[in-house]
Amino acid sequence: MTLNPHDLSELLYRLGYYVDDSTGEVMVELDPCGPPIFDKFLTNLAVQGQLIMKRNAEYELGFYLPNWQCFSSMEEYCQVFPYEQQCKEYD
């Protein structure tokens, strides 16, 4: 079972990881002076397809949430993921 990007970001945040709101990059700690730090948990999530790896503007390899901020509204999100709990409507 895979998590949607927003639930995964909340889980990572609660585990102490930093998620950049503008890019979806996941970091162990926010250190603007050094290269990104990797750990085994983030590497495992990338291997499982929960995170993607790509290079940033400084050509440093990093972990990113897939499909981060690709939806402009909750309605648009629910059209793609209609069975998610937050998309179900109850009478």
Foldseek 3Di string as FASTA:
>chain_A
DADALVVVVVVLVVVQWDADLVFQFIANDDDVVDAGDDDPVLVVCCVVVQWPWDADPVRGITTGGPPRPVDPDVVRVCVVVVPDPVNDDDD
